[in-house]
């Protein structure tokens, strides 16, 4: 009988955590499961070599 209470409690905790994460996602704090993955084309398109170019220093 104690096993059933433990399993029920574990399920309740997981469901409550999922609802909390969905609420946080609605408010924009986390990406949980409803928004899906971002497409790679939306990532920054700065070329790596442009980060290492020397810029002229102004004095």
Protein backbone atom coordinates (compact mmCIF):
# COMPACT_ATOMS: atom_id res chain seq x y z
CA UNK A 1 0.00 0.00 0.00
CA UNK A 2 2.86 2.37 0.76
CA UNK A 3 4.24 1.73 -2.72
CA UNK A 4 1.06 3.08 -4.31
CA UNK A 5 1.22 6.24 -2.20
CA UNK A 6 4.87 6.73 -3.17
CA UNK A 7 4.11 6.28 -6.88
CA UNK A 8 1.12 8.63 -6.65
CA UNK A 9 3.23 11.22 -4.88
CA UNK A 10 6.00 10.91 -7.50
CA UNK A 11 3.49 11.36 -10.34
CA UNK A 12 1.97 14.39 -8.60
CA UNK A 13 5.41 15.99 -8.20
CA UNK A 14 6.30 15.43 -11.86
CA UNK A 15 2.97 16.84 -13.07
CA UNK A 16 3.29 19.86 -10.77
CA UNK A 17 6.84 20.52 -12.01
CA UNK A 18 5.65 20.27 -15.62
CA UNK A 19 2.82 22.74 -14.97
CA UNK A 20 5.26 25.12 -13.27
CA UNK A 21 7.64 24.97 -16.24
CA UNK A 22 4.77 25.58 -18.68
CA UNK A 23 3.72 28.62 -16.65
CA UNK A 24 7.29 29.93 -16.67
CA UNK A 25 7.45 29.36 -20.43
CA UNK A 26 4.25 31.36 -20.95
CA UNK A 27 5.85 34.24 -19.06
CA UNK A 28 8.97 33.99 -21.26
CA UNK A 29 11.46 32.79 -18.65
CA UNK A 30 12.29 29.34 -20.08
CA UNK A 31 11.77 27.28 -23.21
CA UNK A 32 10.12 24.09 -22.01
CA UNK A 33 8.13 22.12 -24.60
CA UNK A 34 5.52 24.19 -26.40
CA UNK A 35 7.70 26.45 -28.51
CA UNK A 36 9.84 23.84 -30.18
CA UNK A 37 13.38 24.33 -31.35
CA UNK A 38 14.64 27.47 -32.97
CA UNK A 39 15.69 27.13 -36.57
CA UNK A 40 19.39 27.39 -37.23
CA UNK A 41 18.81 30.19 -39.73
CA UNK A 42 17.70 32.40 -36.82
CA UNK A 43 21.10 32.09 -35.17
CA UNK A 44 23.61 34.94 -35.46
CA UNK A 45 25.28 35.06 -38.84
CA UNK A 46 28.54 36.73 -37.82
CA UNK A 47 31.47 34.99 -39.39
CA UNK A 48 34.08 33.71 -36.99
CA UNK A 49 36.99 35.33 -38.81
CA UNK A 50 35.36 38.75 -38.51
CA UNK A 51 35.60 38.42 -34.74
CA UNK A 52 39.37 38.04 -34.93
CA UNK A 53 40.11 40.84 -37.39
CA UNK A 54 42.12 43.70 -36.01
CA UNK A 55 40.24 46.95 -35.97
CA UNK A 56 42.07 50.26 -36.37
CA UNK A 57 42.68 51.81 -32.99
CA UNK A 58 41.72 55.42 -32.60
CA UNK A 59 43.85 57.56 -30.32
